[in-house]
Every structure is written in structure tokens, then in C-alpha cells.
Amino acid sequence: MQHYKTLSELHRANGLPLPEHPLLSLVHCMNNCTLGDREFTSDCYVIGLKKLKAGVIMYGRTPYDHANGSMMFVKPRQIIEMKGLELEEDGFLIFIHEDFLNGHELHNTIKKYGYFDYEVNEALHLSPKEEEIIWELYEKIKIEYSNNTDEFSREIMLGHLASILMYAQRFYKRQFINRTELSGKTVSRFNAALAAYMQAGSLQNQGLPSVNALAEALHLSPRYLSDLLKQETGKTAMDLIHLFLIAEAKNLLKSDSHNISDVAYQLGFENTSYFTRLFKKQVGMKPLEFKKMQLN
């Protein structure tokens, strides 16, 4: 697999004009915008806006959602592939080498945006108004990018990039709300997946349910699932897993026939100490104390 350490390598290998800046490049896509014919990785963050008519984009092994006005976000060393793309309208790609962020607050901030960990089929779908905002910010970056560089250029470009990322976070929030209205509460599907995991005996066979396993069952990426649940409930996927397990534990502890070790084993805990710590954290008392209180 090809890995590009520099933007010049990436541009040269894909027949693009060499970038104006060694650590930042802008590619305005008209009609098509294809990078090579095979998978590649790079040391860059990639932000793209496209309206696809045909072609294939992949992050890892997941095909791109071809809806109009979609934004994609790729982090360094993430596998990406683009083949035979035809666009309905102009699009763009922004390549930001990770070194461009060194010493700037965006170096840390960009890692907090969870959508860089979403699958490509969880792209951000913009409304016409939102798309206009993103294009305006892109054009502002382009103005600085094309001008003679001075001591303000980097700060101004990074400021506009930071705005794009912040707007993307806001627009994803809107998308989460719209998604909930269209497909129902994700938390209900999540709890159903947890119940199915338990009923299949997976707690004893495979141990505690992971966010990854439940996300796979719901055909979502783990980060996208957690962000959806956070939007709906204020709690992360792991928080909800813990609440589910403790609710089951309370039910089992009400029976005189189950001791603490039995309950911990039935719920997939490898040892009782971890179960006890989690139970006390959630309930405010140890499982044995809870059991005695119930039986009395």
C-alpha cells in the first residue's frame, strides 16, 4: 500500500499541480476528483466536500454514502481509496499535514472531533445553507493560500480550518436529530442489541459487551454510535452498557439463590472485584449490602 509522507509526493503521484504550501494543499474538484487507483495512507488530515454522481470512495473497507453535499473527514494514516469519481457539482479536498498544526491549539482540538473516527458511510450531509457556509470558509482559506505568505497567513488559515471543524460539529448535531426523527431512537435499538447479546448467552461465552460489538450489530462505527447516544441521552455507549448490567444485577441480587460471584459470572465479569466496584459506583453501595437490604 502506498503511503505519502509529504504533500508533494501525494500531488506528484496523482498528477496534481505541486502544492503552494509544503504542509497545506487545496484541490478544487471539477467534474472529477480521483486520487490514484488503489488504497493509500498519508500523514495528513483530509477534509472533503463532494456531490458524487458516480465512482467509489472507501475509508478502510466501507463504501462512501453517495448522497449530495456530503463532507468527509479522514485522519492521518487512515486507509482511503478513490476511484472513477464523477461529481454533480464542484467539490474540494483540503490536505493538512499533521506537522502544520504543531504548536497551535488546533493540534489538540482536532483530535477531539469524533467524526474523524466515523465510517465513510456516516458522512455529514449538508443542507444548502450549511453548504454555503462551508464554501465561504474554503474560499477564505484559498485567498490566504494563494497570497504571498506573511507572518499572519498560517494563523488565518488555521482559524478558518478551525471554523470548518466547529461548524461540522454543529451540523452533525443537526444530522443526529434528523436521524432520530427518521429512524427512531438509537437508544432503543442499542438496548435491544444489549438484550439480544444477553439472551444469546454471550455474557458467559464472550464476556462483557463491548461498544465495538454493539456498534457492529447496529451497523454503525463505535464513535458515531457513542455520539448519537450522547445526543439522545446525555450518556455514552459505555455508560449505557454499565447501566444495563447494573439493572440486571439488581434483579439477580433480589433472589436468595444467587450469591455475588454467581451474579458477576452471569453478567460476564471476569472477577467479582470489578463487578463490586462498578456496582458501588452506580448504586452507592456494594452488591452484598444491596442484597441484604432487599432480602430484609
Protein backbone atom coordinates (compact mmCIF):
# COMPACT_ATOMS: atom_id res chain seq x y z
CA MET A 1 0.00 0.00 0.00
CA GLN A 2 1.28 3.48 -0.89
CA HIS A 3 1.99 5.85 1.99
CA TYR A 4 2.61 9.54 1.34
CA LYS A 5 4.79 11.30 3.89
CA THR A 6 4.64 14.66 2.13
CA LEU A 7 2.05 16.59 0.18
CA SER A 8 4.44 16.91 -2.75
CA GLU A 9 4.63 13.10 -3.01
CA LEU A 10 0.84 12.82 -2.91
CA HIS A 11 0.34 15.52 -5.56
CA ARG A 12 3.07 14.23 -7.85
CA ALA A 13 1.82 10.63 -7.72
CA ASN A 14 -1.72 11.71 -8.60
CA GLY A 15 -0.96 14.15 -11.39
CA LEU A 16 -1.88 17.24 -9.39
CA PRO A 17 -0.03 20.57 -9.53
CA LEU A 18 2.52 20.81 -6.73
CA PRO A 19 1.07 22.48 -3.62
CA GLU A 20 1.63 26.16 -2.92
CA HIS A 21 2.48 25.32 0.69
CA PRO A 22 4.58 22.31 1.80
CA LEU A 23 2.16 21.41 4.63
CA LEU A 24 -1.24 22.50 3.28
CA SER A 25 -2.90 21.98 -0.07
CA LEU A 26 -6.26 22.79 -1.61
CA VAL A 27 -7.67 20.79 -4.51
CA HIS A 28 -10.70 22.27 -6.27
CA CYS A 29 -12.58 19.39 -7.88
CA MET A 30 -14.44 19.98 -11.14
CA ASN A 31 -16.21 17.03 -12.83
CA ASN A 32 -13.87 14.51 -11.24
CA CYS A 33 -11.54 14.30 -8.27
CA THR A 34 -9.82 10.94 -8.14
CA LEU A 35 -6.63 10.15 -6.25
CA GLY A 36 -4.88 7.15 -7.76
CA ASP A 37 -6.44 3.79 -8.39
CA ARG A 38 -5.56 1.96 -5.19
CA GLU A 39 -5.60 2.28 -1.41
CA PHE A 40 -3.23 4.75 0.20
CA THR A 41 -2.45 6.39 3.51
CA SER A 42 -0.80 9.71 4.30
CA ASP A 43 0.43 11.86 7.17
CA CYS A 44 -2.42 14.28 6.50
CA TYR A 45 -5.86 15.15 7.70
CA VAL A 46 -8.24 15.32 4.75
CA ILE A 47 -11.44 17.36 4.62
CA GLY A 48 -13.58 16.97 1.53
CA LEU A 49 -16.87 18.24 0.15
CA LYS A 50 -18.34 16.32 -2.80
CA LYS A 51 -21.57 15.72 -4.67
CA LEU A 52 -20.98 12.35 -6.25
CA LYS A 53 -22.67 11.18 -9.41
CA ALA A 54 -20.56 8.03 -9.80
CA GLY A 55 -17.42 6.35 -8.52
CA VAL A 56 -16.17 4.81 -5.30
CA ILE A 57 -14.67 6.29 -2.16
CA MET A 58 -13.60 3.99 0.65
CA TYR A 59 -12.22 4.57 4.13
CA GLY A 60 -10.91 1.23 5.25
CA ARG A 61 -13.46 -1.20 3.81
CA THR A 62 -16.59 0.95 3.97
CA PRO A 63 -18.10 2.48 0.79
CA TYR A 64 -18.93 6.17 0.69
CA ASP A 65 -22.55 7.27 1.00
CA HIS A 66 -23.31 8.91 -2.35
CA ALA A 67 -25.79 11.47 -1.04
CA ASN A 68 -25.43 15.03 -2.29
CA GLY A 69 -23.50 17.67 -0.40
CA SER A 70 -21.54 15.22 1.73
CA MET A 71 -18.45 16.06 3.77
CA MET A 72 -15.76 13.53 4.59
CA PHE A 73 -13.12 13.69 7.30
CA VAL A 74 -10.02 11.47 7.25
CA LYS A 75 -7.27 11.39 9.84
CA PRO A 76 -3.57 10.64 9.26
CA ARG A 77 -2.69 7.04 8.36
CA GLN A 78 -6.30 6.09 7.76
CA ILE A 79 -6.74 3.96 4.64
CA ILE A 80 -8.53 5.75 1.81
CA GLU A 81 -9.34 4.88 -1.79
CA MET A 82 -10.94 6.93 -4.57
CA LYS A 83 -11.82 5.54 -7.98
CA GLY A 84 -13.58 6.95 -11.04
CA LEU A 85 -15.33 9.80 -9.28
CA GLU A 86 -17.76 11.93 -11.22
CA LEU A 87 -19.19 14.96 -9.47
CA GLU A 88 -22.56 16.60 -9.96
CA GLU A 89 -21.09 19.93 -8.89
CA ASP A 90 -17.73 21.34 -7.86
CA GLY A 91 -16.17 19.94 -4.72
CA PHE A 92 -12.93 20.35 -2.83
CA LEU A 93 -10.29 18.48 -0.88
CA ILE A 94 -8.16 20.09 1.83
CA PHE A 95 -4.99 18.25 2.84
CA ILE A 96 -3.50 19.35 6.17
CA HIS A 97 -0.18 17.73 7.03
CA GLU A 98 -0.16 16.96 10.75
CA ASP A 99 3.08 18.99 11.12
CA PHE A 100 1.19 22.11 10.01
CA LEU A 101 -0.67 22.00 13.34
CA ASN A 102 2.44 21.80 15.54
CA GLY A 103 2.48 24.48 18.23
CA HIS A 104 -1.11 25.55 17.50
CA GLU A 105 -4.13 24.84 19.69
CA LEU A 106 -5.75 23.04 16.75
CA HIS A 107 -3.10 20.30 17.16
CA ASN A 108 -5.02 19.12 20.25
CA THR A 109 -8.50 20.35 19.35
CA ILE A 110 -8.73 18.43 16.07
CA LYS A 111 -8.30 15.14 17.94
CA LYS A 112 -11.44 15.86 19.95
CA TYR A 113 -13.69 15.90 16.89
CA GLY A 114 -15.10 12.39 16.86
CA TYR A 115 -16.21 12.49 13.24
CA PHE A 116 -12.63 11.76 12.13
CA ASP A 117 -13.33 8.27 13.52
CA TYR A 118 -16.66 7.82 11.75
CA GLU A 119 -17.02 5.41 8.88
CA VAL A 120 -17.34 6.94 5.44
CA ASN A 121 -21.00 5.93 5.18
CA GLU A 122 -21.60 8.20 8.16
CA ALA A 123 -20.59 11.27 6.16
CA LEU A 124 -22.00 14.68 7.00
CA HIS A 125 -24.89 15.63 4.68
CA LEU A 126 -25.23 19.38 4.38
CA SER A 127 -28.29 21.48 3.78
CA PRO A 128 -27.90 24.16 1.05
CA LYS A 129 -27.40 26.84 3.73
CA GLU A 130 -24.79 24.78 5.54
CA GLU A 131 -23.00 24.05 2.28
CA GLU A 132 -22.83 27.76 1.55
CA ILE A 133 -21.15 28.40 4.92
CA ILE A 134 -18.52 25.71 4.29
CA TRP A 135 -17.78 27.03 0.78
CA GLU A 136 -17.33 30.56 2.15
CA LEU A 137 -14.77 29.32 4.65
CA TYR A 138 -12.99 27.32 1.95
CA GLU A 139 -12.76 30.43 -0.24
CA LYS A 140 -11.31 32.42 2.65
CA ILE A 141 -8.61 29.78 3.11
CA LYS A 142 -7.99 29.83 -0.64
CA ILE A 143 -7.43 33.60 -0.60
CA GLU A 144 -4.73 33.28 2.06
CA TYR A 145 -3.30 30.18 0.43
CA SER A 146 -2.89 31.96 -2.91
CA ASN A 147 -1.48 35.21 -1.50
CA ASN A 148 2.13 35.90 -0.64
CA THR A 149 2.87 34.29 2.71
CA ASP A 150 3.48 36.55 5.71
CA GLU A 151 3.56 36.08 9.49
CA PHE A 152 -0.26 36.11 9.67
CA SER A 153 -1.01 33.59 6.90
CA ARG A 154 -0.77 30.37 8.94
CA GLU A 155 -2.85 31.72 11.84
CA ILE A 156 -5.57 32.98 9.49
CA MET A 157 -5.76 29.70 7.54
CA LEU A 158 -5.81 27.62 10.72
CA GLY A 159 -8.52 29.91 12.12
CA HIS A 160 -10.73 29.23 9.09
CA LEU A 161 -9.98 25.49 9.29
CA ALA A 162 -10.96 25.55 12.96
CA SER A 163 -14.24 27.20 11.95
CA ILE A 164 -14.95 24.49 9.38
CA LEU A 165 -14.42 21.83 12.04
CA MET A 166 -16.61 23.64 14.56
CA TYR A 167 -19.41 24.11 12.03
CA ALA A 168 -19.12 20.43 11.10
CA GLN A 169 -19.65 19.54 14.76
CA ARG A 170 -22.76 21.73 14.84
CA PHE A 171 -24.10 20.30 11.58
CA TYR A 172 -23.56 16.73 12.79
CA LYS A 173 -25.67 17.58 15.84
CA ARG A 174 -28.45 18.62 13.47
CA GLN A 175 -27.97 15.42 11.48
CA PHE A 176 -28.24 13.33 14.65
CA ILE A 177 -31.57 14.98 15.48
CA ASN A 178 -32.88 14.45 11.94
CA ARG A 179 -31.69 10.86 12.00
CA THR A 180 -33.57 10.23 15.25
CA GLU A 181 -36.77 11.63 13.75
CA LEU A 182 -36.40 9.44 10.66
CA SER A 183 -35.24 6.15 12.15
CA GLY A 184 -36.36 6.25 15.77
CA LYS A 185 -34.37 6.39 18.96
CA THR A 186 -30.94 4.85 18.69
CA VAL A 187 -31.02 4.13 22.43
CA SER A 188 -33.98 1.76 21.91
CA ARG A 189 -32.09 -0.17 19.23
CA PHE A 190 -28.99 -0.14 21.43
CA ASN A 191 -30.85 -1.60 24.41
CA ALA A 192 -32.43 -4.21 22.14
CA ALA A 193 -28.96 -5.20 20.93
CA LEU A 194 -27.80 -5.47 24.55
CA ALA A 195 -30.79 -7.66 25.43
CA ALA A 196 -30.11 -9.87 22.39
CA TYR A 197 -26.46 -10.19 23.43
CA MET A 198 -27.55 -11.35 26.88
CA GLN A 199 -30.26 -13.72 25.62
CA ALA A 200 -27.78 -15.38 23.26
CA GLY A 201 -25.62 -16.33 26.23
CA SER A 202 -22.80 -14.10 25.04
CA LEU A 203 -22.19 -12.67 28.51
CA GLN A 204 -20.93 -16.05 29.69
CA ASN A 205 -19.28 -17.07 26.40
CA GLN A 206 -17.69 -13.79 25.31
CA GLY A 207 -17.68 -11.65 28.43
CA LEU A 208 -18.84 -8.08 28.86
CA PRO A 209 -20.36 -6.50 25.75
CA SER A 210 -18.06 -4.02 24.02
CA VAL A 211 -19.05 -0.82 22.27
CA ASN A 212 -17.38 -2.20 19.13
CA ALA A 213 -19.51 -5.36 19.13
CA LEU A 214 -22.77 -3.48 19.66
CA ALA A 215 -21.87 -0.86 17.05
CA GLU A 216 -21.23 -3.66 14.57
CA ALA A 217 -24.63 -5.18 15.36
CA LEU A 218 -26.24 -1.79 14.64
CA HIS A 219 -24.12 -1.21 11.50
CA LEU A 220 -22.52 1.93 12.93
CA SER A 221 -18.98 2.91 13.84
CA PRO A 222 -18.28 2.88 17.60
CA ARG A 223 -17.59 6.63 17.72
CA TYR A 224 -20.69 7.53 15.69
CA LEU A 225 -22.82 5.29 17.92
CA SER A 226 -21.48 6.89 21.10
CA ASP A 227 -22.02 10.40 19.73
CA LEU A 228 -25.59 9.55 18.68
CA LEU A 229 -26.36 8.13 22.12
CA LYS A 230 -24.75 11.12 23.81
CA GLN A 231 -27.01 13.40 21.78
CA GLU A 232 -30.13 11.41 22.68
CA THR A 233 -29.46 10.53 26.31
CA GLY A 234 -26.52 12.56 27.58
CA LYS A 235 -24.68 9.29 28.19
CA THR A 236 -22.03 7.42 26.21
CA ALA A 237 -22.41 3.89 24.90
CA MET A 238 -20.22 2.58 27.73
CA ASP A 239 -22.34 4.44 30.32
CA LEU A 240 -25.46 2.74 28.94
CA ILE A 241 -23.78 -0.68 28.94
CA HIS A 242 -22.95 -0.21 32.62
CA LEU A 243 -26.49 0.93 33.45
CA PHE A 244 -27.91 -2.11 31.66
CA LEU A 245 -25.61 -4.51 33.52
CA ILE A 246 -26.32 -2.97 36.90
CA ALA A 247 -30.08 -3.12 36.27
CA GLU A 248 -29.70 -6.84 35.50
CA ALA A 249 -27.51 -7.26 38.58
CA LYS A 250 -30.13 -5.68 40.82
CA ASN A 251 -32.74 -8.09 39.51
CA LEU A 252 -30.50 -11.13 40.12
CA LEU A 253 -29.44 -9.94 43.58
CA LYS A 254 -33.06 -9.86 44.73
CA SER A 255 -33.07 -13.65 44.54
CA ASP A 256 -31.83 -15.61 47.55
CA SER A 257 -30.42 -18.31 45.25
CA HIS A 258 -27.70 -16.10 43.68
CA ASN A 259 -24.55 -15.09 45.54
CA ILE A 260 -22.31 -12.23 44.43
CA SER A 261 -19.92 -14.47 42.47
CA ASP A 262 -22.83 -16.09 40.61
CA VAL A 263 -24.23 -12.72 39.58
CA ALA A 264 -20.83 -11.43 38.46
CA TYR A 265 -20.28 -14.56 36.34
CA GLN A 266 -23.75 -14.47 34.77
CA LEU A 267 -23.16 -10.87 33.71
CA GLY A 268 -19.80 -11.59 32.10
CA PHE A 269 -17.44 -10.12 34.70
CA GLU A 270 -14.10 -11.91 34.95
CA ASN A 271 -13.82 -11.20 38.67
CA THR A 272 -16.10 -10.05 41.46
CA SER A 273 -13.90 -7.13 42.48
CA TYR A 274 -14.51 -5.26 39.20
CA PHE A 275 -18.23 -6.05 39.44
CA THR A 276 -18.31 -4.78 43.03
CA ARG A 277 -16.52 -1.53 42.16
CA LEU A 278 -18.84 -0.82 39.24
CA PHE A 279 -21.95 -1.67 41.26
CA LYS A 280 -20.92 0.60 44.13
CA LYS A 281 -20.12 3.41 41.71
CA GLN A 282 -23.56 3.16 40.10
CA VAL A 283 -25.71 2.31 43.12
CA GLY A 284 -23.82 3.83 46.03
CA MET A 285 -23.42 0.58 47.94
CA LYS A 286 -21.72 -2.80 47.49
CA PRO A 287 -23.71 -5.67 45.94
CA LEU A 288 -23.74 -7.61 49.22
CA GLU A 289 -25.17 -4.59 51.05
CA PHE A 290 -27.81 -4.20 48.37
CA LYS A 291 -28.69 -7.90 48.54
CA LYS A 292 -29.06 -7.86 52.34
CA MET A 293 -31.25 -4.78 52.15
CA GLN A 294 -33.52 -6.43 49.55
CA LEU A 295 -33.83 -9.70 51.45
CA ASN A 296 -34.62 -7.91 54.69
